[in-house]
Amino acid sequence: MIVMINGAFGSGKTSAANKLQPLLPTSMIYDPEEIGYMLRNVIVDDVKMDEEKTDDFQDMELWKVLTVQVAREIKQKYGKHLIVPMTIYKSDQFEYIHRGLKELDPKLFHFTLMTSMDTLHERLLKRGDAPGGWTFRQAEKCAEAFHGARFEEYVVTDSLTTDEVVSHIFPRVTG
């Protein structure tokens, strides 16, 4: 089983993943942001393709490819269910990763955590992000992009605790 927990920065993905993982004893968290950080360090701007010279590692072709390949290797090597918290709203990247993970494990669940912009901004400030900074700008892009059937099951988290979000997800992935 693979559980994707998608949503804007500040929507509660990582918190939900961390609370869900102990409830699924044969699971582990796999965060594709770590691949992005690695690529950012390894592939310098002079090497990047023009379309990859943005402030978002998800614009690097290798990111989406490695995200699926590393998930495959982890599943094969350790045989664990994967809980994948990630902000992925760009159609091409989403379709590639969703399709790749579904090929890895047909039992793929995808949840999109949704919040109002006010709640997102409040949460980003609370964790120390700078107003007008990268995560704030991304949050606005995500809020627009996440409306659409491809993002599957929505969980509106404005008035929910992390435990309540997990209480929504857990029975759907175990039922």
N, C-alpha and C. Protein backbone atom coordinates (compact mmCIF):
# COMPACT_ATOMS: atom_id res chain seq x y z
N MET A 1 0.84 -1.17 0.00
CA MET A 1 0.00 0.00 0.00
C MET A 1 0.90 1.24 0.00
N ILE A 2 0.42 2.27 -0.71
CA ILE A 2 1.08 3.57 -0.69
C ILE A 2 0.01 4.61 -0.39
N VAL A 3 0.31 5.48 0.58
CA VAL A 3 -0.61 6.54 0.97
C VAL A 3 0.07 7.87 0.66
N MET A 4 -0.43 8.55 -0.35
CA MET A 4 0.06 9.90 -0.66
C MET A 4 -0.76 10.90 0.13
N ILE A 5 -0.06 11.79 0.83
CA ILE A 5 -0.73 12.87 1.55
C ILE A 5 -0.23 14.17 0.93
N ASN A 6 -1.06 14.77 0.12
CA ASN A 6 -0.72 15.94 -0.67
C ASN A 6 -1.34 17.18 -0.03
N GLY A 7 -0.83 18.33 -0.40
CA GLY A 7 -1.41 19.57 0.08
C GLY A 7 -0.37 20.68 0.07
N ALA A 8 -0.83 21.89 0.23
CA ALA A 8 0.07 23.04 0.25
C ALA A 8 0.97 22.99 1.47
N PHE A 9 2.05 23.73 1.42
CA PHE A 9 2.92 23.87 2.58
C PHE A 9 2.08 24.47 3.70
N GLY A 10 2.08 23.81 4.87
CA GLY A 10 1.30 24.29 5.99
C GLY A 10 -0.07 23.64 6.13
N SER A 11 -0.40 22.71 5.24
CA SER A 11 -1.72 22.08 5.31
C SER A 11 -1.77 20.94 6.32
N GLY A 12 -0.60 20.46 6.78
CA GLY A 12 -0.58 19.41 7.80
C GLY A 12 -0.14 18.05 7.31
N LYS A 13 0.47 17.98 6.12
CA LYS A 13 0.87 16.70 5.54
C LYS A 13 1.85 15.92 6.41
N THR A 14 2.92 16.57 6.79
CA THR A 14 3.97 15.89 7.56
C THR A 14 3.46 15.49 8.93
N SER A 15 2.71 16.37 9.56
CA SER A 15 2.13 16.04 10.88
C SER A 15 1.21 14.83 10.76
N ALA A 16 0.36 14.82 9.75
CA ALA A 16 -0.55 13.68 9.56
C ALA A 16 0.23 12.40 9.26
N ALA A 17 1.25 12.49 8.41
CA ALA A 17 2.06 11.31 8.09
C ALA A 17 2.72 10.75 9.35
N ASN A 18 3.26 11.64 10.17
CA ASN A 18 3.94 11.20 11.40
C ASN A 18 2.98 10.55 12.40
N LYS A 19 1.73 11.00 12.43
CA LYS A 19 0.73 10.39 13.32
C LYS A 19 0.16 9.10 12.74
N LEU A 20 0.09 9.03 11.41
CA LEU A 20 -0.47 7.84 10.75
C LEU A 20 0.51 6.67 10.79
N GLN A 21 1.78 6.95 10.64
CA GLN A 21 2.78 5.88 10.52
C GLN A 21 2.73 4.85 11.65
N PRO A 22 2.68 5.25 12.93
CA PRO A 22 2.63 4.23 13.98
C PRO A 22 1.36 3.37 13.96
N LEU A 23 0.31 3.89 13.34
CA LEU A 23 -0.95 3.13 13.25
C LEU A 23 -0.88 2.04 12.18
N LEU A 24 0.08 2.16 11.28
CA LEU A 24 0.29 1.18 10.22
C LEU A 24 1.66 0.55 10.47
N PRO A 25 1.70 -0.49 11.30
CA PRO A 25 2.98 -1.01 11.79
C PRO A 25 3.96 -1.47 10.71
N THR A 26 3.50 -1.82 9.55
CA THR A 26 4.43 -2.24 8.49
C THR A 26 4.63 -1.12 7.47
N SER A 27 4.71 0.11 7.98
CA SER A 27 4.84 1.27 7.08
C SER A 27 6.06 2.10 7.45
N MET A 28 6.43 2.95 6.52
CA MET A 28 7.48 3.93 6.77
C MET A 28 7.15 5.19 5.98
N ILE A 29 7.71 6.31 6.43
CA ILE A 29 7.50 7.57 5.73
C ILE A 29 8.59 7.74 4.69
N TYR A 30 8.17 8.11 3.50
CA TYR A 30 9.08 8.39 2.40
C TYR A 30 8.77 9.80 1.90
N ASP A 31 9.68 10.72 2.12
CA ASP A 31 9.45 12.12 1.77
C ASP A 31 10.28 12.51 0.54
N PRO A 32 9.65 12.66 -0.62
CA PRO A 32 10.37 13.02 -1.85
C PRO A 32 11.06 14.38 -1.81
N GLU A 33 10.73 15.22 -0.81
CA GLU A 33 11.46 16.48 -0.68
C GLU A 33 12.95 16.22 -0.47
N GLU A 34 13.27 15.12 0.20
CA GLU A 34 14.67 14.79 0.45
C GLU A 34 15.43 14.56 -0.86
N ILE A 35 14.74 13.99 -1.84
CA ILE A 35 15.36 13.81 -3.16
C ILE A 35 15.58 15.18 -3.80
N GLY A 36 14.63 16.06 -3.64
CA GLY A 36 14.77 17.42 -4.18
C GLY A 36 15.95 18.15 -3.57
N TYR A 37 16.11 18.02 -2.26
CA TYR A 37 17.24 18.67 -1.59
C TYR A 37 18.57 18.12 -2.11
N MET A 38 18.61 16.81 -2.29
CA MET A 38 19.82 16.18 -2.80
C MET A 38 20.13 16.69 -4.21
N LEU A 39 19.13 16.73 -5.07
CA LEU A 39 19.33 17.21 -6.44
C LEU A 39 19.78 18.66 -6.46
N ARG A 40 19.19 19.46 -5.60
CA ARG A 40 19.57 20.87 -5.51
C ARG A 40 21.05 21.01 -5.16
N ASN A 41 21.56 20.12 -4.32
CA ASN A 41 22.97 20.16 -3.93
C ASN A 41 23.90 19.58 -4.98
N VAL A 42 23.42 18.59 -5.71
CA VAL A 42 24.28 17.88 -6.67
C VAL A 42 24.31 18.57 -8.04
N ILE A 43 23.16 19.03 -8.50
CA ILE A 43 23.08 19.59 -9.85
C ILE A 43 23.09 21.12 -9.76
N VAL A 44 24.23 21.68 -10.06
CA VAL A 44 24.40 23.13 -9.97
C VAL A 44 23.73 23.81 -11.16
N ASP A 45 23.48 25.11 -11.03
CA ASP A 45 22.76 25.85 -12.06
C ASP A 45 23.40 25.77 -13.44
N ASP A 46 24.75 25.73 -13.53
CA ASP A 46 25.37 25.68 -14.87
C ASP A 46 25.05 24.37 -15.59
N VAL A 47 24.68 23.33 -14.84
CA VAL A 47 24.39 22.03 -15.43
C VAL A 47 22.90 21.90 -15.79
N LYS A 48 22.06 22.59 -15.06
CA LYS A 48 20.62 22.47 -15.25
C LYS A 48 20.18 22.91 -16.65
N MET A 49 19.13 22.27 -17.13
CA MET A 49 18.47 22.68 -18.36
C MET A 49 17.78 24.03 -18.07
N ASP A 50 17.54 24.81 -19.10
CA ASP A 50 16.93 26.13 -18.90
C ASP A 50 15.61 26.05 -18.13
N GLU A 51 14.77 25.07 -18.48
CA GLU A 51 13.47 24.95 -17.82
C GLU A 51 13.59 24.50 -16.36
N GLU A 52 14.77 24.03 -15.96
CA GLU A 52 14.99 23.60 -14.59
C GLU A 52 15.56 24.71 -13.71
N LYS A 53 15.88 25.83 -14.30
CA LYS A 53 16.49 26.94 -13.55
C LYS A 53 15.41 27.79 -12.90
N THR A 54 14.70 27.17 -11.98
CA THR A 54 13.65 27.84 -11.23
C THR A 54 13.96 27.70 -9.75
N ASP A 55 13.10 28.20 -8.91
CA ASP A 55 13.29 28.05 -7.47
C ASP A 55 12.58 26.82 -6.92
N ASP A 56 12.20 25.89 -7.81
CA ASP A 56 11.43 24.71 -7.41
C ASP A 56 12.08 23.46 -7.98
N PHE A 57 12.62 22.61 -7.10
CA PHE A 57 13.29 21.39 -7.59
C PHE A 57 12.33 20.45 -8.31
N GLN A 58 11.02 20.64 -8.13
CA GLN A 58 10.07 19.80 -8.86
C GLN A 58 10.09 20.09 -10.36
N ASP A 59 10.73 21.18 -10.76
CA ASP A 59 10.88 21.47 -12.19
C ASP A 59 12.03 20.70 -12.81
N MET A 60 12.77 19.99 -12.00
CA MET A 60 13.86 19.16 -12.51
C MET A 60 13.29 17.81 -12.91
N GLU A 61 13.50 17.43 -14.15
CA GLU A 61 13.00 16.15 -14.67
C GLU A 61 13.42 14.99 -13.77
N LEU A 62 14.66 15.02 -13.30
CA LEU A 62 15.16 13.93 -12.47
C LEU A 62 14.38 13.78 -11.17
N TRP A 63 13.81 14.85 -10.66
CA TRP A 63 13.10 14.75 -9.39
C TRP A 63 11.93 13.77 -9.50
N LYS A 64 11.09 13.95 -10.52
CA LYS A 64 9.93 13.05 -10.61
C LYS A 64 10.36 11.62 -10.92
N VAL A 65 11.39 11.47 -11.75
CA VAL A 65 11.88 10.13 -12.10
C VAL A 65 12.44 9.44 -10.86
N LEU A 66 13.31 10.13 -10.13
CA LEU A 66 13.90 9.54 -8.93
C LEU A 66 12.89 9.31 -7.83
N THR A 67 11.88 10.17 -7.74
CA THR A 67 10.85 9.97 -6.73
C THR A 67 10.21 8.60 -6.88
N VAL A 68 9.88 8.23 -8.11
CA VAL A 68 9.27 6.92 -8.35
C VAL A 68 10.31 5.80 -8.21
N GLN A 69 11.51 6.00 -8.75
CA GLN A 69 12.53 4.94 -8.69
C GLN A 69 12.94 4.63 -7.25
N VAL A 70 13.11 5.67 -6.45
CA VAL A 70 13.50 5.44 -5.05
C VAL A 70 12.36 4.75 -4.31
N ALA A 71 11.12 5.14 -4.56
CA ALA A 71 9.98 4.45 -3.94
C ALA A 71 10.00 2.97 -4.32
N ARG A 72 10.26 2.68 -5.57
CA ARG A 72 10.33 1.28 -6.04
C ARG A 72 11.42 0.52 -5.27
N GLU A 73 12.59 1.11 -5.18
CA GLU A 73 13.71 0.45 -4.50
C GLU A 73 13.39 0.23 -3.01
N ILE A 74 12.80 1.21 -2.37
CA ILE A 74 12.46 1.07 -0.95
C ILE A 74 11.43 -0.04 -0.76
N LYS A 75 10.40 -0.05 -1.61
CA LYS A 75 9.36 -1.09 -1.49
C LYS A 75 9.96 -2.47 -1.70
N GLN A 76 10.82 -2.61 -2.70
CA GLN A 76 11.42 -3.92 -2.99
C GLN A 76 12.38 -4.35 -1.89
N LYS A 77 13.19 -3.46 -1.41
CA LYS A 77 14.21 -3.80 -0.42
C LYS A 77 13.62 -4.07 0.96
N TYR A 78 12.67 -3.21 1.40
CA TYR A 78 12.19 -3.29 2.77
C TYR A 78 10.77 -3.85 2.91
N GLY A 79 10.04 -3.92 1.80
CA GLY A 79 8.70 -4.50 1.83
C GLY A 79 7.71 -3.78 2.73
N LYS A 80 7.87 -2.48 2.88
CA LYS A 80 7.00 -1.70 3.75
C LYS A 80 5.95 -0.94 2.94
N HIS A 81 4.84 -0.64 3.59
CA HIS A 81 3.89 0.31 3.03
C HIS A 81 4.55 1.68 3.11
N LEU A 82 4.28 2.54 2.13
CA LEU A 82 4.87 3.87 2.12
C LEU A 82 3.81 4.92 2.42
N ILE A 83 4.18 5.86 3.28
CA ILE A 83 3.37 7.04 3.52
C ILE A 83 4.18 8.19 2.94
N VAL A 84 3.60 8.87 1.95
CA VAL A 84 4.34 9.85 1.16
C VAL A 84 3.72 11.24 1.30
N PRO A 85 4.26 12.04 2.25
CA PRO A 85 3.77 13.42 2.34
C PRO A 85 4.49 14.27 1.30
N MET A 86 3.74 14.98 0.48
CA MET A 86 4.38 15.81 -0.54
C MET A 86 3.44 16.87 -1.05
N THR A 87 4.03 17.99 -1.42
CA THR A 87 3.26 19.03 -2.10
C THR A 87 3.54 18.85 -3.58
N ILE A 88 2.55 18.37 -4.30
CA ILE A 88 2.73 18.20 -5.73
C ILE A 88 1.45 18.60 -6.43
N TYR A 89 1.52 19.74 -7.11
CA TYR A 89 0.32 20.30 -7.73
C TYR A 89 0.48 20.49 -9.23
N LYS A 90 1.69 20.40 -9.75
CA LYS A 90 1.90 20.57 -11.18
C LYS A 90 1.46 19.30 -11.91
N SER A 91 0.62 19.46 -12.91
CA SER A 91 -0.03 18.33 -13.57
C SER A 91 0.92 17.27 -14.08
N ASP A 92 1.94 17.66 -14.83
CA ASP A 92 2.85 16.66 -15.41
C ASP A 92 3.55 15.85 -14.33
N GLN A 93 4.07 16.53 -13.32
CA GLN A 93 4.77 15.83 -12.25
C GLN A 93 3.80 14.94 -11.47
N PHE A 94 2.61 15.47 -11.19
CA PHE A 94 1.63 14.68 -10.45
C PHE A 94 1.26 13.42 -11.22
N GLU A 95 0.93 13.58 -12.50
CA GLU A 95 0.50 12.43 -13.29
C GLU A 95 1.60 11.37 -13.37
N TYR A 96 2.83 11.80 -13.59
CA TYR A 96 3.96 10.87 -13.69
C TYR A 96 4.14 10.10 -12.37
N ILE A 97 4.18 10.82 -11.26
CA ILE A 97 4.42 10.18 -9.96
C ILE A 97 3.22 9.32 -9.56
N HIS A 98 2.03 9.82 -9.74
CA HIS A 98 0.83 9.05 -9.38
C HIS A 98 0.79 7.75 -10.18
N ARG A 99 1.00 7.85 -11.47
CA ARG A 99 1.01 6.66 -12.33
C ARG A 99 2.13 5.69 -11.91
N GLY A 100 3.32 6.23 -11.65
CA GLY A 100 4.45 5.38 -11.25
C GLY A 100 4.21 4.67 -9.93
N LEU A 101 3.64 5.38 -8.97
CA LEU A 101 3.36 4.75 -7.68
C LEU A 101 2.24 3.72 -7.80
N LYS A 102 1.27 3.99 -8.65
CA LYS A 102 0.16 3.05 -8.87
C LYS A 102 0.67 1.76 -9.53
N GLU A 103 1.66 1.89 -10.42
CA GLU A 103 2.27 0.70 -11.03
C GLU A 103 3.05 -0.10 -9.98
N LEU A 104 3.66 0.60 -9.04
CA LEU A 104 4.40 -0.06 -7.96
C LEU A 104 3.47 -0.83 -7.04
N ASP A 105 2.34 -0.21 -6.74
CA ASP A 105 1.40 -0.81 -5.81
C ASP A 105 -0.01 -0.33 -6.18
N PRO A 106 -0.82 -1.21 -6.74
CA PRO A 106 -2.18 -0.81 -7.14
C PRO A 106 -3.02 -0.29 -5.98
N LYS A 107 -2.61 -0.63 -4.77
CA LYS A 107 -3.33 -0.14 -3.59
C LYS A 107 -2.73 1.22 -3.21
N LEU A 108 -3.01 2.21 -4.06
CA LEU A 108 -2.53 3.58 -3.86
C LEU A 108 -3.69 4.45 -3.41
N PHE A 109 -3.48 5.14 -2.31
CA PHE A 109 -4.46 6.10 -1.80
C PHE A 109 -3.85 7.49 -1.93
N HIS A 110 -4.69 8.45 -2.30
CA HIS A 110 -4.20 9.82 -2.43
C HIS A 110 -5.19 10.75 -1.75
N PHE A 111 -4.69 11.50 -0.78
CA PHE A 111 -5.49 12.47 -0.06
C PHE A 111 -4.88 13.85 -0.28
N THR A 112 -5.72 14.84 -0.48
CA THR A 112 -5.25 16.22 -0.60
C THR A 112 -5.81 17.00 0.58
N LEU A 113 -4.90 17.50 1.41
CA LEU A 113 -5.31 18.30 2.56
C LEU A 113 -5.53 19.72 2.08
N MET A 114 -6.72 20.23 2.33
CA MET A 114 -7.12 21.56 1.87
C MET A 114 -7.36 22.46 3.07
N THR A 115 -6.95 23.71 2.93
CA THR A 115 -7.20 24.70 3.96
C THR A 115 -7.45 26.04 3.29
N SER A 116 -8.02 26.95 4.04
CA SER A 116 -8.19 28.31 3.53
C SER A 116 -6.83 28.99 3.50
N MET A 117 -6.72 30.05 2.72
CA MET A 117 -5.46 30.80 2.67
C MET A 117 -5.14 31.40 4.04
N ASP A 118 -6.15 31.85 4.76
CA ASP A 118 -5.91 32.41 6.09
C ASP A 118 -5.28 31.37 7.01
N THR A 119 -5.83 30.17 7.00
CA THR A 119 -5.28 29.10 7.84
C THR A 119 -3.86 28.75 7.41
N LEU A 120 -3.64 28.63 6.10
CA LEU A 120 -2.29 28.33 5.61
C LEU A 120 -1.29 29.39 6.07
N HIS A 121 -1.65 30.65 5.89
CA HIS A 121 -0.74 31.73 6.29
C HIS A 121 -0.48 31.69 7.80
N GLU A 122 -1.52 31.44 8.56
CA GLU A 122 -1.37 31.36 10.02
C GLU A 122 -0.41 30.23 10.40
N ARG A 123 -0.57 29.07 9.78
CA ARG A 123 0.29 27.92 10.08
C ARG A 123 1.73 28.16 9.63
N LEU A 124 1.89 28.78 8.47
CA LEU A 124 3.25 29.06 7.99
C LEU A 124 3.96 30.05 8.91
N LEU A 125 3.24 31.05 9.37
CA LEU A 125 3.82 32.01 10.32
C LEU A 125 4.20 31.32 11.63
N LYS A 126 3.31 30.44 12.09
CA LYS A 126 3.53 29.73 13.36
C LYS A 126 4.80 28.88 13.30
N ARG A 127 5.10 28.30 12.14
CA ARG A 127 6.30 27.48 12.04
C ARG A 127 7.55 28.30 11.69
N GLY A 128 7.37 29.61 11.54
CA GLY A 128 8.53 30.48 11.36
C GLY A 128 8.84 30.90 9.93
N ASP A 129 7.95 30.60 8.99
CA ASP A 129 8.19 31.00 7.60
C ASP A 129 7.94 32.50 7.45
N ALA A 130 8.70 33.13 6.58
CA ALA A 130 8.61 34.58 6.39
C ALA A 130 7.45 34.95 5.47
N PRO A 131 6.62 35.93 5.88
CA PRO A 131 5.53 36.38 5.01
C PRO A 131 6.09 36.83 3.66
N GLY A 132 5.43 36.42 2.61
CA GLY A 132 5.88 36.77 1.27
C GLY A 132 7.01 35.88 0.77
N GLY A 133 7.48 34.96 1.62
CA GLY A 133 8.57 34.05 1.24
C GLY A 133 8.10 32.94 0.31
N TRP A 134 9.00 32.04 0.03
CA TRP A 134 8.76 30.98 -0.95
C TRP A 134 7.53 30.14 -0.62
N THR A 135 7.41 29.68 0.64
CA THR A 135 6.27 28.83 0.99
C THR A 135 4.94 29.58 0.88
N PHE A 136 4.95 30.87 1.18
CA PHE A 136 3.73 31.67 1.04
C PHE A 136 3.34 31.76 -0.43
N ARG A 137 4.30 32.02 -1.29
CA ARG A 137 4.01 32.12 -2.73
C ARG A 137 3.54 30.77 -3.28
N GLN A 138 4.16 29.69 -2.84
CA GLN A 138 3.74 28.36 -3.29
C GLN A 138 2.34 28.04 -2.81
N ALA A 139 2.00 28.45 -1.60
CA ALA A 139 0.67 28.15 -1.05
C ALA A 139 -0.42 28.70 -1.95
N GLU A 140 -0.21 29.88 -2.47
CA GLU A 140 -1.22 30.48 -3.36
C GLU A 140 -1.35 29.69 -4.65
N LYS A 141 -0.23 29.24 -5.21
CA LYS A 141 -0.28 28.41 -6.42
C LYS A 141 -1.01 27.10 -6.15
N CYS A 142 -0.73 26.50 -5.00
CA CYS A 142 -1.36 25.23 -4.64
C CYS A 142 -2.87 25.39 -4.48
N ALA A 143 -3.26 26.44 -3.79
CA ALA A 143 -4.69 26.66 -3.54
C ALA A 143 -5.47 26.69 -4.84
N GLU A 144 -4.91 27.30 -5.86
CA GLU A 144 -5.58 27.35 -7.17
C GLU A 144 -5.55 26.00 -7.85
N ALA A 145 -4.41 25.34 -7.82
CA ALA A 145 -4.21 24.11 -8.59
C ALA A 145 -4.93 22.89 -8.02
N PHE A 146 -5.15 22.85 -6.72
CA PHE A 146 -5.70 21.64 -6.11
C PHE A 146 -7.18 21.43 -6.35
N HIS A 147 -7.82 22.33 -7.05
CA HIS A 147 -9.23 22.12 -7.38
C HIS A 147 -9.31 21.34 -8.67
N GLY A 148 -9.71 20.09 -8.58
CA GLY A 148 -9.82 19.24 -9.76
C GLY A 148 -9.88 17.79 -9.35
N ALA A 149 -10.53 16.98 -10.15
CA ALA A 149 -10.77 15.59 -9.80
C ALA A 149 -9.50 14.78 -9.61
N ARG A 150 -8.43 15.14 -10.29
CA ARG A 150 -7.22 14.31 -10.22
C ARG A 150 -6.63 14.25 -8.82
N PHE A 151 -6.98 15.21 -7.97
CA PHE A 151 -6.41 15.22 -6.63
C PHE A 151 -7.23 14.39 -5.64
N GLU A 152 -8.19 13.66 -6.16
CA GLU A 152 -8.95 12.63 -5.46
C GLU A 152 -9.61 13.09 -4.19
N GLU A 153 -9.31 12.46 -3.07
CA GLU A 153 -10.09 12.72 -1.86
C GLU A 153 -9.54 13.92 -1.09
N TYR A 154 -10.42 14.90 -0.89
CA TYR A 154 -10.04 16.11 -0.17
C TYR A 154 -10.36 15.95 1.32
N VAL A 155 -9.48 16.51 2.13
CA VAL A 155 -9.73 16.58 3.57
C VAL A 155 -9.51 18.05 3.95
N VAL A 156 -10.58 18.71 4.33
CA VAL A 156 -10.49 20.12 4.70
C VAL A 156 -10.02 20.18 6.16
N THR A 157 -8.84 20.77 6.37
CA THR A 157 -8.19 20.68 7.68
C THR A 157 -8.28 21.94 8.53
N ASP A 158 -8.96 22.98 8.05
CA ASP A 158 -9.00 24.25 8.79
C ASP A 158 -9.34 24.08 10.27
N SER A 159 -10.38 23.34 10.55
CA SER A 159 -10.83 23.23 11.94
C SER A 159 -10.55 21.84 12.53
N LEU A 160 -9.68 21.07 11.86
CA LEU A 160 -9.38 19.73 12.35
C LEU A 160 -8.02 19.68 13.04
N THR A 161 -7.93 18.88 14.07
CA THR A 161 -6.63 18.59 14.66
C THR A 161 -5.93 17.55 13.79
N THR A 162 -4.67 17.34 14.02
CA THR A 162 -3.95 16.30 13.28
C THR A 162 -4.56 14.94 13.55
N ASP A 163 -4.95 14.68 14.78
CA ASP A 163 -5.58 13.39 15.11
C ASP A 163 -6.88 13.21 14.33
N GLU A 164 -7.64 14.28 14.15
CA GLU A 164 -8.89 14.18 13.38
C GLU A 164 -8.61 13.93 11.90
N VAL A 165 -7.56 14.52 11.37
CA VAL A 165 -7.18 14.27 9.98
C VAL A 165 -6.81 12.79 9.82
N VAL A 166 -6.02 12.29 10.74
CA VAL A 166 -5.62 10.88 10.69
C VAL A 166 -6.84 9.97 10.87
N SER A 167 -7.77 10.37 11.71
CA SER A 167 -9.00 9.59 11.92
C SER A 167 -9.84 9.53 10.64
N HIS A 168 -9.67 10.50 9.78
CA HIS A 168 -10.34 10.48 8.48
C HIS A 168 -9.61 9.54 7.51
N ILE A 169 -8.30 9.60 7.51
CA ILE A 169 -7.49 8.82 6.55
C ILE A 169 -7.41 7.34 6.93
N PHE A 170 -7.16 7.05 8.20
CA PHE A 170 -6.87 5.68 8.64
C PHE A 170 -7.93 4.65 8.21
N PRO A 171 -9.23 4.88 8.46
CA PRO A 171 -10.19 3.84 8.07
C PRO A 171 -10.28 3.65 6.55
N ARG A 172 -9.95 4.65 5.80
CA ARG A 172 -10.03 4.52 4.33
C ARG A 172 -8.90 3.66 3.79
N VAL A 173 -7.75 3.69 4.46
CA VAL A 173 -6.62 2.91 3.97
C VAL A 173 -6.58 1.50 4.57
N THR A 174 -7.34 1.29 5.62
CA THR A 174 -7.34 -0.03 6.25
C THR A 174 -8.65 -0.79 6.04
N GLY A 175 -9.66 -0.10 5.50
CA GLY A 175 -10.98 -0.70 5.36
C GLY A 175 -11.16 -1.61 4.20
